[in-house]
Amino acid sequence: MYFILWTLLLLVFCSWFLGYKYIQMHAEIRAREHKIIAKEARIKEMIKGLEEEKEKLEQEIQEVSSELGQLKD
């Protein structure tokens, strides 16, 4: 009789422990996903800003080269 009770108690404890570990692991995965998504958003913002800066620099280069062309004439 005691063997069955101890076995049931052990099963309950193991189930609780495994459930706790599963929830903990799931929370860690969600936190990592959140960090990755945040980094991805920051990188996209940086890329967008760099592309805008590239366009501005290309326009300035064209303006300067046209001014140099006018000075040569």
N, C-alpha and C. Protein backbone atom coordinates (compact mmCIF):
# COMPACT_ATOMS: atom_id res chain seq x y z
N MET A 1 0.82 -1.20 0.00
CA MET A 1 0.00 0.00 0.00
C MET A 1 0.87 1.27 0.00
N TYR A 2 1.88 1.25 0.89
CA TYR A 2 2.75 2.42 0.95
C TYR A 2 3.54 2.61 -0.35
N PHE A 3 3.87 1.49 -0.97
CA PHE A 3 4.60 1.56 -2.23
C PHE A 3 3.79 2.30 -3.29
N ILE A 4 2.51 2.03 -3.36
CA ILE A 4 1.63 2.69 -4.34
C ILE A 4 1.52 4.18 -4.03
N LEU A 5 1.39 4.52 -2.75
CA LEU A 5 1.30 5.93 -2.37
C LEU A 5 2.58 6.68 -2.71
N TRP A 6 3.73 6.07 -2.38
CA TRP A 6 5.00 6.72 -2.70
C TRP A 6 5.20 6.85 -4.21
N THR A 7 4.76 5.84 -4.95
CA THR A 7 4.86 5.89 -6.41
C THR A 7 3.99 7.02 -6.96
N LEU A 8 2.77 7.13 -6.46
CA LEU A 8 1.89 8.21 -6.90
C LEU A 8 2.46 9.58 -6.54
N LEU A 9 3.01 9.69 -5.34
CA LEU A 9 3.62 10.94 -4.92
C LEU A 9 4.80 11.29 -5.82
N LEU A 10 5.61 10.29 -6.16
CA LEU A 10 6.73 10.51 -7.05
C LEU A 10 6.26 10.93 -8.44
N LEU A 11 5.21 10.31 -8.94
CA LEU A 11 4.65 10.69 -10.24
C LEU A 11 4.13 12.12 -10.23
N VAL A 12 3.45 12.50 -9.17
CA VAL A 12 2.94 13.86 -9.06
C VAL A 12 4.09 14.85 -9.02
N PHE A 13 5.10 14.54 -8.23
CA PHE A 13 6.25 15.43 -8.13
C PHE A 13 6.97 15.55 -9.47
N CYS A 14 7.18 14.43 -10.15
CA CYS A 14 7.86 14.46 -11.46
C CYS A 14 7.03 15.25 -12.47
N SER A 15 5.73 15.06 -12.46
CA SER A 15 4.87 15.81 -13.38
C SER A 15 4.95 17.30 -13.10
N TRP A 16 4.92 17.66 -11.83
CA TRP A 16 5.02 19.07 -11.47
C TRP A 16 6.36 19.65 -11.92
N PHE A 17 7.43 18.91 -11.65
CA PHE A 17 8.78 19.37 -12.00
C PHE A 17 8.93 19.52 -13.51
N LEU A 18 8.47 18.53 -14.27
CA LEU A 18 8.57 18.62 -15.73
C LEU A 18 7.71 19.75 -16.28
N GLY A 19 6.54 19.97 -15.70
CA GLY A 19 5.70 21.09 -16.11
C GLY A 19 6.38 22.42 -15.83
N TYR A 20 6.99 22.52 -14.67
CA TYR A 20 7.71 23.74 -14.31
C TYR A 20 8.85 24.00 -15.29
N LYS A 21 9.63 22.96 -15.60
CA LYS A 21 10.74 23.11 -16.54
C LYS A 21 10.23 23.48 -17.93
N TYR A 22 9.11 22.90 -18.35
CA TYR A 22 8.55 23.21 -19.67
C TYR A 22 8.14 24.68 -19.73
N ILE A 23 7.47 25.16 -18.70
CA ILE A 23 7.05 26.56 -18.67
C ILE A 23 8.26 27.48 -18.65
N GLN A 24 9.27 27.12 -17.88
CA GLN A 24 10.49 27.92 -17.81
C GLN A 24 11.19 27.96 -19.17
N MET A 25 11.29 26.81 -19.82
CA MET A 25 11.94 26.74 -21.13
C MET A 25 11.14 27.55 -22.16
N HIS A 26 9.83 27.45 -22.11
CA HIS A 26 8.98 28.20 -23.04
C HIS A 26 9.16 29.71 -22.83
N ALA A 27 9.26 30.14 -21.58
CA ALA A 27 9.46 31.56 -21.29
C ALA A 27 10.81 32.04 -21.82
N GLU A 28 11.84 31.23 -21.67
CA GLU A 28 13.16 31.60 -22.18
C GLU A 28 13.15 31.70 -23.70
N ILE A 29 12.47 30.78 -24.35
CA ILE A 29 12.39 30.81 -25.82
C ILE A 29 11.65 32.07 -26.26
N ARG A 30 10.56 32.40 -25.60
CA ARG A 30 9.80 33.60 -25.95
C ARG A 30 10.65 34.86 -25.76
N ALA A 31 11.43 34.90 -24.67
CA ALA A 31 12.28 36.06 -24.42
C ALA A 31 13.34 36.19 -25.52
N ARG A 32 13.93 35.08 -25.91
CA ARG A 32 14.93 35.12 -26.98
C ARG A 32 14.30 35.56 -28.30
N GLU A 33 13.10 35.05 -28.59
CA GLU A 33 12.41 35.46 -29.81
C GLU A 33 12.14 36.96 -29.80
N HIS A 34 11.73 37.47 -28.64
CA HIS A 34 11.46 38.90 -28.52
C HIS A 34 12.72 39.71 -28.79
N LYS A 35 13.85 39.27 -28.22
CA LYS A 35 15.11 39.98 -28.45
C LYS A 35 15.51 39.95 -29.92
N ILE A 36 15.32 38.80 -30.55
CA ILE A 36 15.67 38.68 -31.97
C ILE A 36 14.80 39.58 -32.82
N ILE A 37 13.51 39.61 -32.53
CA ILE A 37 12.58 40.46 -33.29
C ILE A 37 12.95 41.93 -33.10
N ALA A 38 13.30 42.32 -31.86
CA ALA A 38 13.68 43.71 -31.60
C ALA A 38 14.97 44.06 -32.36
N LYS A 39 15.94 43.16 -32.36
CA LYS A 39 17.19 43.41 -33.10
C LYS A 39 16.91 43.51 -34.59
N GLU A 40 16.04 42.65 -35.09
CA GLU A 40 15.70 42.68 -36.51
C GLU A 40 15.05 44.01 -36.88
N ALA A 41 14.17 44.51 -36.02
CA ALA A 41 13.53 45.80 -36.29
C ALA A 41 14.55 46.93 -36.28
N ARG A 42 15.48 46.90 -35.31
CA ARG A 42 16.53 47.93 -35.27
C ARG A 42 17.41 47.88 -36.51
N ILE A 43 17.75 46.69 -36.95
CA ILE A 43 18.59 46.55 -38.14
C ILE A 43 17.86 47.07 -39.37
N LYS A 44 16.57 46.78 -39.48
CA LYS A 44 15.79 47.29 -40.61
C LYS A 44 15.75 48.81 -40.60
N GLU A 45 15.59 49.40 -39.41
CA GLU A 45 15.59 50.86 -39.28
C GLU A 45 16.95 51.43 -39.71
N MET A 46 18.03 50.76 -39.27
CA MET A 46 19.36 51.23 -39.64
C MET A 46 19.57 51.14 -41.15
N ILE A 47 19.13 50.05 -41.75
CA ILE A 47 19.27 49.88 -43.20
C ILE A 47 18.50 50.96 -43.93
N LYS A 48 17.29 51.23 -43.46
CA LYS A 48 16.47 52.27 -44.09
C LYS A 48 17.18 53.63 -44.00
N GLY A 49 17.71 53.96 -42.83
CA GLY A 49 18.42 55.21 -42.65
C GLY A 49 19.67 55.30 -43.52
N LEU A 50 20.40 54.19 -43.60
CA LEU A 50 21.61 54.18 -44.43
C LEU A 50 21.29 54.32 -45.91
N GLU A 51 20.19 53.72 -46.34
CA GLU A 51 19.79 53.87 -47.74
C GLU A 51 19.41 55.31 -48.05
N GLU A 52 18.71 55.96 -47.11
CA GLU A 52 18.37 57.38 -47.31
C GLU A 52 19.63 58.23 -47.36
N GLU A 53 20.57 57.94 -46.48
CA GLU A 53 21.84 58.68 -46.46
C GLU A 53 22.61 58.45 -47.76
N LYS A 54 22.58 57.22 -48.26
CA LYS A 54 23.25 56.90 -49.52
C LYS A 54 22.65 57.72 -50.66
N GLU A 55 21.33 57.81 -50.70
CA GLU A 55 20.67 58.59 -51.75
C GLU A 55 21.06 60.07 -51.67
N LYS A 56 21.11 60.60 -50.44
CA LYS A 56 21.51 62.00 -50.27
C LYS A 56 22.94 62.22 -50.75
N LEU A 57 23.83 61.31 -50.39
CA LEU A 57 25.23 61.43 -50.80
C LEU A 57 25.37 61.32 -52.32
N GLU A 58 24.59 60.43 -52.92
CA GLU A 58 24.64 60.31 -54.39
C GLU A 58 24.16 61.60 -55.05
N GLN A 59 23.13 62.23 -54.48
CA GLN A 59 22.65 63.50 -55.02
C GLN A 59 23.72 64.58 -54.88
N GLU A 60 24.37 64.63 -53.72
CA GLU A 60 25.43 65.61 -53.51
C GLU A 60 26.58 65.38 -54.48
N ILE A 61 26.92 64.13 -54.72
CA ILE A 61 28.00 63.81 -55.67
C ILE A 61 27.61 64.29 -57.06
N GLN A 62 26.37 64.05 -57.45
CA GLN A 62 25.91 64.51 -58.77
C GLN A 62 25.96 66.03 -58.87
N GLU A 63 25.54 66.71 -57.80
CA GLU A 63 25.58 68.18 -57.80
C GLU A 63 27.01 68.69 -57.92
N VAL A 64 27.91 68.10 -57.15
CA VAL A 64 29.31 68.53 -57.18
C VAL A 64 29.93 68.23 -58.54
N SER A 65 29.63 67.06 -59.09
CA SER A 65 30.20 66.73 -60.41
C SER A 65 29.63 67.64 -61.49
N SER A 66 28.35 68.02 -61.38
CA SER A 66 27.79 68.96 -62.36
C SER A 66 28.43 70.34 -62.20
N GLU A 67 28.69 70.76 -60.96
CA GLU A 67 29.37 72.04 -60.73
C GLU A 67 30.79 72.01 -61.30
N LEU A 68 31.48 70.88 -61.12
CA LEU A 68 32.83 70.75 -61.68
C LEU A 68 32.77 70.79 -63.20
N GLY A 69 31.76 70.17 -63.77
CA GLY A 69 31.60 70.20 -65.22
C GLY A 69 31.36 71.61 -65.72
N GLN A 70 30.60 72.38 -64.97
CA GLN A 70 30.33 73.77 -65.35
C GLN A 70 31.59 74.62 -65.22
N LEU A 71 32.40 74.33 -64.20
CA LEU A 71 33.64 75.09 -64.01
C LEU A 71 34.64 74.80 -65.12
N LYS A 72 34.66 73.58 -65.61
CA LYS A 72 35.59 73.22 -66.68
C LYS A 72 35.21 73.90 -67.99
N ASP A 73 33.93 74.13 -68.18
CA ASP A 73 33.48 74.77 -69.43
C ASP A 73 33.79 76.21 -69.37
